[in-house]
Amino acid sequence: MFFEKHVFCCINKRPNSNPKGCCSLKDSEKLQTELKTKIKDLKLNKKIRINKSGCLDRCELGPIMVIYPDGIWY
């Protein structure tokens, strides 16, 4: 099965003391779960895949997600 879009949601965890911060402290896991549910509810789950990812290196802007193949960052 091939997907038209892949959405990667960072769920990386760092210690609270890390100055860079992390997406998981900004509810990224909840965001990923809600996106996955919404895509399924809209019956788009055969076209769009929602994945968890490790650090996408934009921690200070989090929660972060990127959509491929378009390379769109949110």
PDB file of N, CA and C in Angstrom:
ATOM      1  N   MET A   1       0.839  -1.177   0.000  1.00  0.00           N
ATOM      2  CA  MET A   1       0.000   0.000   0.000  1.00  0.00           C
ATOM      3  C   MET A   1       0.886   1.242   0.000  1.00  0.00           C
ATOM      4  N   PHE A   2       0.573   2.154  -0.873  1.00  0.00           N
ATOM      5  CA  PHE A   2       1.304   3.412  -0.953  1.00  0.00           C
ATOM      6  C   PHE A   2       0.388   4.547  -0.540  1.00  0.00           C
ATOM      7  N   PHE A   3       0.937   5.532   0.100  1.00  0.00           N
ATOM      8  CA  PHE A   3       0.176   6.681   0.576  1.00  0.00           C
ATOM      9  C   PHE A   3       0.544   7.916  -0.229  1.00  0.00           C
ATOM     10  N   GLU A   4      -0.435   8.800  -0.422  1.00  0.00           N
ATOM     11  CA  GLU A   4      -0.171  10.065  -1.110  1.00  0.00           C
ATOM     12  C   GLU A   4       0.608  11.019  -0.209  1.00  0.00           C
ATOM     13  N   LYS A   5       0.316  10.979   1.078  1.00  0.00           N
ATOM     14  CA  LYS A   5       0.961  11.877   2.043  1.00  0.00           C
ATOM     15  C   LYS A   5       1.373  11.084   3.277  1.00  0.00           C
ATOM     16  N   HIS A   6       2.497  11.477   3.840  1.00  0.00           N
ATOM     17  CA  HIS A   6       2.955  10.968   5.137  1.00  0.00           C
ATOM     18  C   HIS A   6       3.105  12.176   6.059  1.00  0.00           C
ATOM     19  N   VAL A   7       2.487  12.111   7.213  1.00  0.00           N
ATOM     20  CA  VAL A   7       2.609  13.168   8.215  1.00  0.00           C
ATOM     21  C   VAL A   7       3.415  12.599   9.377  1.00  0.00           C
ATOM     22  N   PHE A   8       4.514  13.262   9.691  1.00  0.00           N
ATOM     23  CA  PHE A   8       5.370  12.838  10.796  1.00  0.00           C
ATOM     24  C   PHE A   8       5.242  13.845  11.934  1.00  0.00           C
ATOM     25  N   CYS A   9       4.804  13.376  13.089  1.00  0.00           N
ATOM     26  CA  CYS A   9       4.626  14.209  14.279  1.00  0.00           C
ATOM     27  C   CYS A   9       5.719  13.865  15.284  1.00  0.00           C
ATOM     28  N   CYS A  10       6.519  14.847  15.629  1.00  0.00           N
ATOM     29  CA  CYS A  10       7.576  14.620  16.613  1.00  0.00           C
ATOM     30  C   CYS A  10       6.958  14.366  17.981  1.00  0.00           C
ATOM     31  N   ILE A  11       7.384  13.284  18.614  1.00  0.00           N
ATOM     32  CA  ILE A  11       6.964  12.998  19.990  1.00  0.00           C
ATOM     33  C   ILE A  11       8.191  12.825  20.892  1.00  0.00           C
ATOM     34  N   ASN A  12       9.296  13.434  20.488  1.00  0.00           N
ATOM     35  CA  ASN A  12      10.545  13.309  21.235  1.00  0.00           C
ATOM     36  C   ASN A  12      10.395  13.832  22.661  1.00  0.00           C
ATOM     37  N   LYS A  13      11.039  13.132  23.606  1.00  0.00           N
ATOM     38  CA  LYS A  13      11.009  13.529  25.013  1.00  0.00           C
ATOM     39  C   LYS A  13      12.413  13.883  25.472  1.00  0.00           C
ATOM     40  N   ARG A  14      12.524  15.027  26.126  1.00  0.00           N
ATOM     41  CA  ARG A  14      13.774  15.465  26.747  1.00  0.00           C
ATOM     42  C   ARG A  14      13.466  15.834  28.195  1.00  0.00           C
ATOM     43  N   PRO A  15      14.491  15.902  29.026  1.00  0.00           N
ATOM     44  CA  PRO A  15      14.259  16.350  30.407  1.00  0.00           C
ATOM     45  C   PRO A  15      13.696  17.777  30.431  1.00  0.00           C
ATOM     46  N   ASN A  16      12.877  18.068  31.426  1.00  0.00           N
ATOM     47  CA  ASN A  16      12.298  19.415  31.561  1.00  0.00           C
ATOM     48  C   ASN A  16      13.365  20.493  31.622  1.00  0.00           C
ATOM     49  N   SER A  17      14.543  20.139  32.107  1.00  0.00           N
ATOM     50  CA  SER A  17      15.625  21.114  32.268  1.00  0.00           C
ATOM     51  C   SER A  17      16.346  21.443  30.961  1.00  0.00           C
ATOM     52  N   ASN A  18      16.080  20.699  29.894  1.00  0.00           N
ATOM     53  CA  ASN A  18      16.767  20.939  28.625  1.00  0.00           C
ATOM     54  C   ASN A  18      16.310  22.269  28.034  1.00  0.00           C
ATOM     55  N   PRO A  19      17.251  23.195  27.754  1.00  0.00           N
ATOM     56  CA  PRO A  19      16.870  24.517  27.243  1.00  0.00           C
ATOM     57  C   PRO A  19      16.206  24.473  25.861  1.00  0.00           C
ATOM     58  N   LYS A  20      16.456  23.421  25.119  1.00  0.00           N
ATOM     59  CA  LYS A  20      15.870  23.303  23.783  1.00  0.00           C
ATOM     60  C   LYS A  20      14.384  22.947  23.848  1.00  0.00           C
ATOM     61  N   GLY A  21      13.958  22.383  24.977  1.00  0.00           N
ATOM     62  CA  GLY A  21      12.570  21.956  25.108  1.00  0.00           C
ATOM     63  C   GLY A  21      12.330  20.674  24.330  1.00  0.00           C
ATOM     64  N   CYS A  22      11.078  20.284  24.227  1.00  0.00           N
ATOM     65  CA  CYS A  22      10.745  19.116  23.422  1.00  0.00           C
ATOM     66  C   CYS A  22       9.263  19.128  23.080  1.00  0.00           C
ATOM     67  N   CYS A  23       8.945  18.473  21.999  1.00  0.00           N
ATOM     68  CA  CYS A  23       7.566  18.458  21.514  1.00  0.00           C
ATOM     69  C   CYS A  23       6.628  17.695  22.433  1.00  0.00           C
ATOM     70  N   SER A  24       7.105  16.649  23.073  1.00  0.00           N
ATOM     71  CA  SER A  24       6.193  15.851  23.901  1.00  0.00           C
ATOM     72  C   SER A  24       5.663  16.653  25.086  1.00  0.00           C
ATOM     73  N   LEU A  25       6.418  17.619  25.574  1.00  0.00           N
ATOM     74  CA  LEU A  25       5.938  18.477  26.659  1.00  0.00           C
ATOM     75  C   LEU A  25       4.905  19.484  26.166  1.00  0.00           C
ATOM     76  N   LYS A  26       4.716  19.542  24.861  1.00  0.00           N
ATOM     77  CA  LYS A  26       3.744  20.465  24.254  1.00  0.00           C
ATOM     78  C   LYS A  26       2.584  19.693  23.627  1.00  0.00           C
ATOM     79  N   ASP A  27       2.268  18.542  24.213  1.00  0.00           N
ATOM     80  CA  ASP A  27       1.114  17.714  23.813  1.00  0.00           C
ATOM     81  C   ASP A  27       1.193  17.155  22.396  1.00  0.00           C
ATOM     82  N   SER A  28       2.390  16.869  21.919  1.00  0.00           N
ATOM     83  CA  SER A  28       2.521  16.342  20.557  1.00  0.00           C
ATOM     84  C   SER A  28       1.925  14.947  20.398  1.00  0.00           C
ATOM     85  N   GLU A  29       1.966  14.136  21.452  1.00  0.00           N
ATOM     86  CA  GLU A  29       1.372  12.795  21.347  1.00  0.00           C
ATOM     87  C   GLU A  29      -0.147  12.893  21.209  1.00  0.00           C
ATOM     88  N   LYS A  30      -0.752  13.830  21.911  1.00  0.00           N
ATOM     89  CA  LYS A  30      -2.195  14.061  21.786  1.00  0.00           C
ATOM     90  C   LYS A  30      -2.520  14.542  20.371  1.00  0.00           C
ATOM     91  N   LEU A  31      -1.705  15.449  19.846  1.00  0.00           N
ATOM     92  CA  LEU A  31      -1.893  15.947  18.481  1.00  0.00           C
ATOM     93  C   LEU A  31      -1.831  14.805  17.478  1.00  0.00           C
ATOM     94  N   GLN A  32      -0.835  13.945  17.603  1.00  0.00           N
ATOM     95  CA  GLN A  32      -0.677  12.818  16.680  1.00  0.00           C
ATOM     96  C   GLN A  32      -1.881  11.884  16.749  1.00  0.00           C
ATOM     97  N   THR A  33      -2.342  11.598  17.943  1.00  0.00           N
ATOM     98  CA  THR A  33      -3.500  10.717  18.130  1.00  0.00           C
ATOM     99  C   THR A  33      -4.760  11.334  17.530  1.00  0.00           C
ATOM    100  N   GLU A  34      -4.966  12.621  17.756  1.00  0.00           N
ATOM    101  CA  GLU A  34      -6.154  13.297  17.217  1.00  0.00           C
ATOM    102  C   GLU A  34      -6.115  13.372  15.694  1.00  0.00           C
ATOM    103  N   LEU A  35      -4.939  13.633  15.131  1.00  0.00           N
ATOM    104  CA  LEU A  35      -4.808  13.649  13.668  1.00  0.00           C
ATOM    105  C   LEU A  35      -5.143  12.286  13.082  1.00  0.00           C
ATOM    106  N   LYS A  36      -4.609  11.252  13.691  1.00  0.00           N
ATOM    107  CA  LYS A  36      -4.851   9.892  13.215  1.00  0.00           C
ATOM    108  C   LYS A  36      -6.346   9.557  13.262  1.00  0.00           C
ATOM    109  N   THR A  37      -7.002   9.925  14.350  1.00  0.00           N
ATOM    110  CA  THR A  37      -8.444   9.686  14.489  1.00  0.00           C
ATOM    111  C   THR A  37      -9.232  10.458  13.441  1.00  0.00           C
ATOM    112  N   LYS A  38      -8.890  11.718  13.236  1.00  0.00           N
ATOM    113  CA  LYS A  38      -9.606  12.562  12.267  1.00  0.00           C
ATOM    114  C   LYS A  38      -9.447  12.032  10.849  1.00  0.00           C
ATOM    115  N   ILE A  39      -8.242  11.628  10.476  1.00  0.00           N
ATOM    116  CA  ILE A  39      -7.998  11.076   9.139  1.00  0.00           C
ATOM    117  C   ILE A  39      -8.816   9.808   8.939  1.00  0.00           C
ATOM    118  N   LYS A  40      -8.885   8.987   9.961  1.00  0.00           N
ATOM    119  CA  LYS A  40      -9.684   7.761   9.871  1.00  0.00           C
ATOM    120  C   LYS A  40     -11.174   8.089   9.763  1.00  0.00           C
ATOM    121  N   ASP A  41     -11.653   9.042  10.575  1.00  0.00           N
ATOM    122  CA  ASP A  41     -13.059   9.456  10.530  1.00  0.00           C
ATOM    123  C   ASP A  41     -13.455   9.988   9.159  1.00  0.00           C
ATOM    124  N   LEU A  42     -12.519  10.680   8.517  1.00  0.00           N
ATOM    125  CA  LEU A  42     -12.770  11.239   7.179  1.00  0.00           C
ATOM    126  C   LEU A  42     -12.542  10.216   6.070  1.00  0.00           C
ATOM    127  N   LYS A  43     -12.194   8.992   6.469  1.00  0.00           N
ATOM    128  CA  LYS A  43     -11.921   7.895   5.531  1.00  0.00           C
ATOM    129  C   LYS A  43     -10.790   8.235   4.553  1.00  0.00           C
ATOM    130  N   LEU A  44      -9.809   8.948   5.071  1.00  0.00           N
ATOM    131  CA  LEU A  44      -8.633   9.303   4.277  1.00  0.00           C
ATOM    132  C   LEU A  44      -7.430   8.442   4.638  1.00  0.00           C
ATOM    133  N   ASN A  45      -7.636   7.453   5.514  1.00  0.00           N
ATOM    134  CA  ASN A  45      -6.511   6.661   6.003  1.00  0.00           C
ATOM    135  C   ASN A  45      -5.896   5.746   4.951  1.00  0.00           C
ATOM    136  N   LYS A  46      -6.483   5.633   3.790  1.00  0.00           N
ATOM    137  CA  LYS A  46      -5.867   4.877   2.690  1.00  0.00           C
ATOM    138  C   LYS A  46      -4.959   5.779   1.854  1.00  0.00           C
ATOM    139  N   LYS A  47      -5.113   7.110   2.027  1.00  0.00           N
ATOM    140  CA  LYS A  47      -4.320   8.077   1.269  1.00  0.00           C
ATOM    141  C   LYS A  47      -3.276   8.792   2.121  1.00  0.00           C
ATOM    142  N   ILE A  48      -3.598   8.979   3.403  1.00  0.00           N
ATOM    143  CA  ILE A  48      -2.734   9.763   4.291  1.00  0.00           C
ATOM    144  C   ILE A  48      -2.331   8.908   5.482  1.00  0.00           C
ATOM    145  N   ARG A  49      -1.045   8.886   5.763  1.00  0.00           N
ATOM    146  CA  ARG A  49      -0.520   8.110   6.893  1.00  0.00           C
ATOM    147  C   ARG A  49      -0.002   9.069   7.951  1.00  0.00           C
ATOM    148  N   ILE A  50      -0.446   8.880   9.182  1.00  0.00           N
ATOM    149  CA  ILE A  50       0.008   9.693  10.305  1.00  0.00           C
ATOM    150  C   ILE A  50       0.983   8.849  11.124  1.00  0.00           C
ATOM    151  N   ASN A  51       2.219   9.338  11.262  1.00  0.00           N
ATOM    152  CA  ASN A  51       3.257   8.598  11.978  1.00  0.00           C
ATOM    153  C   ASN A  51       3.829   9.411  13.125  1.00  0.00           C
ATOM    154  N   LYS A  52       4.292   8.706  14.153  1.00  0.00           N
ATOM    155  CA  LYS A  52       5.099   9.323  15.199  1.00  0.00           C
ATOM    156  C   LYS A  52       6.523   9.406  14.673  1.00  0.00           C
ATOM    157  N   SER A  53       7.250  10.410  15.112  1.00  0.00           N
ATOM    158  CA  SER A  53       8.664  10.476  14.731  1.00  0.00           C
ATOM    159  C   SER A  53       9.492  10.875  15.938  1.00  0.00           C
ATOM    160  N   GLY A  54      10.780  10.667  15.801  1.00  0.00           N
ATOM    161  CA  GLY A  54      11.721  11.178  16.782  1.00  0.00           C
ATOM    162  C   GLY A  54      11.930  12.662  16.523  1.00  0.00           C
ATOM    163  N   CYS A  55      12.984  13.205  17.077  1.00  0.00           N
ATOM    164  CA  CYS A  55      13.252  14.636  16.984  1.00  0.00           C
ATOM    165  C   CYS A  55      13.400  15.096  15.531  1.00  0.00           C
ATOM    166  N   LEU A  56      12.702  16.167  15.207  1.00  0.00           N
ATOM    167  CA  LEU A  56      12.797  16.781  13.879  1.00  0.00           C
ATOM    168  C   LEU A  56      13.638  18.055  13.929  1.00  0.00           C
ATOM    169  N   ASP A  57      14.279  18.315  15.069  1.00  0.00           N
ATOM    170  CA  ASP A  57      15.258  19.389  15.278  1.00  0.00           C
ATOM    171  C   ASP A  57      14.691  20.799  15.113  1.00  0.00           C
ATOM    172  N   ARG A  58      13.430  20.976  15.470  1.00  0.00           N
ATOM    173  CA  ARG A  58      12.825  22.317  15.520  1.00  0.00           C
ATOM    174  C   ARG A  58      12.068  22.453  16.844  1.00  0.00           C
ATOM    175  N   CYS A  59      12.709  21.968  17.878  1.00  0.00           N
ATOM    176  CA  CYS A  59      12.098  21.797  19.199  1.00  0.00           C
ATOM    177  C   CYS A  59      11.470  23.076  19.749  1.00  0.00           C
ATOM    178  N   GLU A  60      12.152  24.189  19.569  1.00  0.00           N
ATOM    179  CA  GLU A  60      11.672  25.446  20.142  1.00  0.00           C
ATOM    180  C   GLU A  60      10.367  25.926  19.504  1.00  0.00           C
ATOM    181  N   LEU A  61      10.008  25.356  18.361  1.00  0.00           N
ATOM    182  CA  LEU A  61       8.785  25.746  17.652  1.00  0.00           C
ATOM    183  C   LEU A  61       7.633  24.777  17.891  1.00  0.00           C
ATOM    184  N   GLY A  62       7.876  23.720  18.651  1.00  0.00           N
ATOM    185  CA  GLY A  62       6.955  22.596  18.788  1.00  0.00           C
ATOM    186  C   GLY A  62       5.592  22.922  19.368  1.00  0.00           C
ATOM    187  N   PRO A  63       4.671  22.003  19.214  1.00  0.00           N
ATOM    188  CA  PRO A  63       4.876  20.692  18.612  1.00  0.00           C
ATOM    189  C   PRO A  63       5.042  20.802  17.098  1.00  0.00           C
ATOM    190  N   ILE A  64       5.898  19.974  16.553  1.00  0.00           N
ATOM    191  CA  ILE A  64       6.275  20.042  15.140  1.00  0.00           C
ATOM    192  C   ILE A  64       5.754  18.830  14.385  1.00  0.00           C
ATOM    193  N   MET A  65       5.322  19.084  13.156  1.00  0.00           N
ATOM    194  CA  MET A  65       5.007  17.994  12.231  1.00  0.00           C
ATOM    195  C   MET A  65       5.442  18.424  10.841  1.00  0.00           C
ATOM    196  N   VAL A  66       5.720  17.429  10.002  1.00  0.00           N
ATOM    197  CA  VAL A  66       6.104  17.687   8.621  1.00  0.00           C
ATOM    198  C   VAL A  66       5.312  16.737   7.732  1.00  0.00           C
ATOM    199  N   ILE A  67       4.904  17.260   6.579  1.00  0.00           N
ATOM    200  CA  ILE A  67       4.113  16.478   5.628  1.00  0.00           C
ATOM    201  C   ILE A  67       4.955  16.242   4.382  1.00  0.00           C
ATOM    202  N   TYR A  68       5.095  14.978   4.027  1.00  0.00           N
ATOM    203  CA  TYR A  68       5.819  14.599   2.816  1.00  0.00           C
ATOM    204  C   TYR A  68       4.859  13.961   1.830  1.00  0.00           C
ATOM    205  N   PRO A  69       5.069  14.129   0.532  1.00  0.00           N
ATOM    206  CA  PRO A  69       6.309  14.564  -0.099  1.00  0.00           C
ATOM    207  C   PRO A  69       6.450  16.077  -0.251  1.00  0.00           C
ATOM    208  N   ASP A  70       5.478  16.845   0.225  1.00  0.00           N
ATOM    209  CA  ASP A  70       5.492  18.295   0.002  1.00  0.00           C
ATOM    210  C   ASP A  70       6.545  19.045   0.802  1.00  0.00           C
ATOM    211  N   GLY A  71       6.984  18.481   1.922  1.00  0.00           N
ATOM    212  CA  GLY A  71       7.963  19.164   2.765  1.00  0.00           C
ATOM    213  C   GLY A  71       7.369  20.364   3.486  1.00  0.00           C
ATOM    214  N   ILE A  72       6.097  20.289   3.858  1.00  0.00           N
ATOM    215  CA  ILE A  72       5.423  21.380   4.566  1.00  0.00           C
ATOM    216  C   ILE A  72       5.553  21.140   6.067  1.00  0.00           C
ATOM    217  N   TRP A  73       6.033  22.170   6.768  1.00  0.00           N
ATOM    218  CA  TRP A  73       6.257  22.082   8.214  1.00  0.00           C
ATOM    219  C   TRP A  73       5.208  22.885   8.968  1.00  0.00           C
ATOM    220  N   TYR A  74       4.751  22.324  10.071  1.00  0.00           N
ATOM    221  CA  TYR A  74       3.840  23.027  10.982  1.00  0.00           C
ATOM    222  C   TYR A  74       4.374  22.887  12.384  1.00  0.00           C
TER     223      TYR A  74
END
